[in-house]
């Protein structure tokens, strides 16, 4: 079995999260304004190769456990921006040598941030 057969995937193209109807502007404020991702139109956001797509769900319920984990080039600066924006940051120290935290977007979806 070749390496390609053992490892058929090389990266995640994008992650889709849900949001309630009519909240596109709130998504833009959070993902583009606070997290600093580039808006790609609609509710697609991108930072380098990382892409997040928010889709509308009429019976929306936030993802409280399931989450994307994003590696952060400037973790400390991002945490300062988040806290200054009133975002609660829950730092976790359960993996030795790994700096990481959990936050929730403006809809209550959980995101994990990992220092690189």
C-alpha atoms as a PDB file:
ATOM      1  CA  UNK A   1       0.000   0.000   0.000  1.00  0.00           C
ATOM      2  CA  UNK A   2       1.474   3.362  -1.040  1.00  0.00           C
ATOM      3  CA  UNK A   3       1.684   6.433   1.191  1.00  0.00           C
ATOM      4  CA  UNK A   4      -1.122   8.056  -0.850  1.00  0.00           C
ATOM      5  CA  UNK A   5      -3.343   5.024  -0.260  1.00  0.00           C
ATOM      6  CA  UNK A   6      -2.642   5.084   3.501  1.00  0.00           C
ATOM      7  CA  UNK A   7      -3.108   8.855   3.714  1.00  0.00           C
ATOM      8  CA  UNK A   8      -5.697   9.866   1.130  1.00  0.00           C
ATOM      9  CA  UNK A   9      -6.332  13.344   2.613  1.00  0.00           C
ATOM     10  CA  UNK A  10      -3.772  16.131   2.766  1.00  0.00           C
ATOM     11  CA  UNK A  11      -5.728  19.043   4.260  1.00  0.00           C
ATOM     12  CA  UNK A  12      -9.193  20.281   5.133  1.00  0.00           C
ATOM     13  CA  UNK A  13     -10.490  22.590   2.417  1.00  0.00           C
ATOM     14  CA  UNK A  14     -12.981  24.351   4.674  1.00  0.00           C
ATOM     15  CA  UNK A  15     -15.202  23.939   7.714  1.00  0.00           C
ATOM     16  CA  UNK A  16     -18.875  24.847   7.718  1.00  0.00           C
ATOM     17  CA  UNK A  17     -20.574  26.108  10.849  1.00  0.00           C
ATOM     18  CA  UNK A  18     -24.221  27.045  11.268  1.00  0.00           C
ATOM     19  CA  UNK A  19     -25.773  30.381  12.120  1.00  0.00           C
ATOM     20  CA  UNK A  20     -29.334  31.638  12.570  1.00  0.00           C
ATOM     21  CA  UNK A  21     -31.173  33.328   9.694  1.00  0.00           C
ATOM     22  CA  UNK A  22     -30.547  37.032   9.089  1.00  0.00           C
ATOM     23  CA  UNK A  23     -27.233  37.193  10.977  1.00  0.00           C
ATOM     24  CA  UNK A  24     -24.769  37.648   8.125  1.00  0.00           C
ATOM     25  CA  UNK A  25     -23.610  41.053   9.393  1.00  0.00           C
ATOM     26  CA  UNK A  26     -22.925  39.659  12.877  1.00  0.00           C
ATOM     27  CA  UNK A  27     -20.849  36.902  11.222  1.00  0.00           C
ATOM     28  CA  UNK A  28     -18.856  39.506   9.265  1.00  0.00           C
ATOM     29  CA  UNK A  29     -18.211  41.546  12.408  1.00  0.00           C
ATOM     30  CA  UNK A  30     -16.941  38.498  14.312  1.00  0.00           C
ATOM     31  CA  UNK A  31     -14.993  36.577  11.660  1.00  0.00           C
ATOM     32  CA  UNK A  32     -13.647  39.484   9.583  1.00  0.00           C
ATOM     33  CA  UNK A  33     -13.679  42.301  12.140  1.00  0.00           C
ATOM     34  CA  UNK A  34     -12.522  40.508  15.293  1.00  0.00           C
ATOM     35  CA  UNK A  35     -10.721  37.380  14.028  1.00  0.00           C
ATOM     36  CA  UNK A  36      -9.211  39.277  11.096  1.00  0.00           C
ATOM     37  CA  UNK A  37     -10.225  36.797   8.391  1.00  0.00           C
ATOM     38  CA  UNK A  38     -10.842  38.084   4.875  1.00  0.00           C
ATOM     39  CA  UNK A  39     -14.474  37.996   3.767  1.00  0.00           C
ATOM     40  CA  UNK A  40     -14.899  36.117   0.494  1.00  0.00           C
ATOM     41  CA  UNK A  41     -18.494  37.162  -0.122  1.00  0.00           C
ATOM     42  CA  UNK A  42     -21.623  35.748   1.446  1.00  0.00           C
ATOM     43  CA  UNK A  43     -20.496  34.222   4.710  1.00  0.00           C
ATOM     44  CA  UNK A  44     -17.194  32.694   3.596  1.00  0.00           C
ATOM     45  CA  UNK A  45     -14.108  33.777   5.515  1.00  0.00           C
ATOM     46  CA  UNK A  46     -10.466  33.016   4.781  1.00  0.00           C
ATOM     47  CA  UNK A  47      -7.068  33.462   6.418  1.00  0.00           C
ATOM     48  CA  UNK A  48      -4.277  31.866   4.382  1.00  0.00           C
ATOM     49  CA  UNK A  49      -5.395  28.301   3.639  1.00  0.00           C
ATOM     50  CA  UNK A  50      -7.992  28.311   6.455  1.00  0.00           C
ATOM     51  CA  UNK A  51     -11.577  28.771   5.277  1.00  0.00           C
ATOM     52  CA  UNK A  52     -14.765  28.913   7.337  1.00  0.00           C
ATOM     53  CA  UNK A  53     -18.208  28.921   5.738  1.00  0.00           C
ATOM     54  CA  UNK A  54     -21.278  29.815   7.771  1.00  0.00           C
ATOM     55  CA  UNK A  55     -24.561  28.384   6.557  1.00  0.00           C
ATOM     56  CA  UNK A  56     -28.034  29.477   7.640  1.00  0.00           C
ATOM     57  CA  UNK A  57     -30.134  26.960   9.579  1.00  0.00           C
ATOM     58  CA  UNK A  58     -33.746  27.858  10.353  1.00  0.00           C
ATOM     59  CA  UNK A  59     -33.716  25.678  13.493  1.00  0.00           C
ATOM     60  CA  UNK A  60     -30.203  26.804  14.482  1.00  0.00           C
ATOM     61  CA  UNK A  61     -28.508  25.340  17.553  1.00  0.00           C
ATOM     62  CA  UNK A  62     -24.877  26.305  18.245  1.00  0.00           C
ATOM     63  CA  UNK A  63     -22.160  23.635  18.132  1.00  0.00           C
ATOM     64  CA  UNK A  64     -21.114  23.581  21.787  1.00  0.00           C
ATOM     65  CA  UNK A  65     -18.827  20.504  21.619  1.00  0.00           C
ATOM     66  CA  UNK A  66     -17.966  19.912  17.936  1.00  0.00           C
ATOM     67  CA  UNK A  67     -15.551  22.564  16.706  1.00  0.00           C
ATOM     68  CA  UNK A  68     -12.800  23.504  14.274  1.00  0.00           C
ATOM     69  CA  UNK A  69      -9.319  23.899  15.767  1.00  0.00           C
ATOM     70  CA  UNK A  70      -7.326  26.734  14.209  1.00  0.00           C
ATOM     71  CA  UNK A  71      -3.546  27.082  14.465  1.00  0.00           C
ATOM     72  CA  UNK A  72      -2.665  30.727  15.178  1.00  0.00           C
ATOM     73  CA  UNK A  73       0.528  32.424  14.003  1.00  0.00           C
ATOM     74  CA  UNK A  74       0.244  35.261  16.551  1.00  0.00           C
ATOM     75  CA  UNK A  75      -1.707  33.611  19.357  1.00  0.00           C
ATOM     76  CA  UNK A  76      -0.970  36.209  22.060  1.00  0.00           C
ATOM     77  CA  UNK A  77      -1.983  39.171  19.888  1.00  0.00           C
ATOM     78  CA  UNK A  78      -5.186  37.392  18.843  1.00  0.00           C
ATOM     79  CA  UNK A  79      -6.103  36.664  22.470  1.00  0.00           C
ATOM     80  CA  UNK A  80      -5.540  40.340  23.329  1.00  0.00           C
ATOM     81  CA  UNK A  81      -7.835  41.355  20.444  1.00  0.00           C
ATOM     82  CA  UNK A  82     -10.495  38.863  21.504  1.00  0.00           C
ATOM     83  CA  UNK A  83     -10.462  39.991  25.131  1.00  0.00           C
ATOM     84  CA  UNK A  84     -10.501  43.679  24.116  1.00  0.00           C
ATOM     85  CA  UNK A  85     -13.585  42.862  21.999  1.00  0.00           C
ATOM     86  CA  UNK A  86     -15.359  41.328  24.988  1.00  0.00           C
ATOM     87  CA  UNK A  87     -14.919  37.705  23.849  1.00  0.00           C
ATOM     88  CA  UNK A  88     -14.525  35.202  26.688  1.00  0.00           C
ATOM     89  CA  UNK A  89     -11.312  33.181  26.270  1.00  0.00           C
ATOM     90  CA  UNK A  90     -11.102  29.823  28.052  1.00  0.00           C
ATOM     91  CA  UNK A  91      -7.448  28.790  28.169  1.00  0.00           C
ATOM     92  CA  UNK A  92      -6.788  25.066  28.560  1.00  0.00           C
ATOM     93  CA  UNK A  93      -3.575  23.582  29.995  1.00  0.00           C
ATOM     94  CA  UNK A  94      -4.330  19.874  29.713  1.00  0.00           C
ATOM     95  CA  UNK A  95      -1.759  19.018  27.003  1.00  0.00           C
ATOM     96  CA  UNK A  96       1.846  19.642  28.135  1.00  0.00           C
ATOM     97  CA  UNK A  97       3.666  22.079  25.859  1.00  0.00           C
ATOM     98  CA  UNK A  98       0.538  23.096  23.925  1.00  0.00           C
ATOM     99  CA  UNK A  99      -0.951  26.556  24.351  1.00  0.00           C
ATOM    100  CA  UNK A 100      -4.603  26.542  23.375  1.00  0.00           C
ATOM    101  CA  UNK A 101      -7.965  27.994  24.248  1.00  0.00           C
ATOM    102  CA  UNK A 102     -11.632  27.804  23.379  1.00  0.00           C
ATOM    103  CA  UNK A 103     -13.830  30.700  22.377  1.00  0.00           C
ATOM    104  CA  UNK A 104     -17.377  30.954  21.062  1.00  0.00           C
ATOM    105  CA  UNK A 105     -18.383  32.922  18.004  1.00  0.00           C
ATOM    106  CA  UNK A 106     -21.216  35.435  18.094  1.00  0.00           C
ATOM    107  CA  UNK A 107     -23.711  32.556  17.651  1.00  0.00           C
ATOM    108  CA  UNK A 108     -22.318  30.296  20.397  1.00  0.00           C
ATOM    109  CA  UNK A 109     -20.338  27.956  18.093  1.00  0.00           C
ATOM    110  CA  UNK A 110     -17.178  26.678  19.770  1.00  0.00           C
ATOM    111  CA  UNK A 111     -13.766  27.370  18.191  1.00  0.00           C
ATOM    112  CA  UNK A 112     -10.414  26.091  19.415  1.00  0.00           C
ATOM    113  CA  UNK A 113      -7.310  28.244  18.921  1.00  0.00           C
ATOM    114  CA  UNK A 114      -3.852  26.676  19.102  1.00  0.00           C
ATOM    115  CA  UNK A 115      -0.554  28.576  19.313  1.00  0.00           C
ATOM    116  CA  UNK A 116       1.975  27.593  16.648  1.00  0.00           C
END
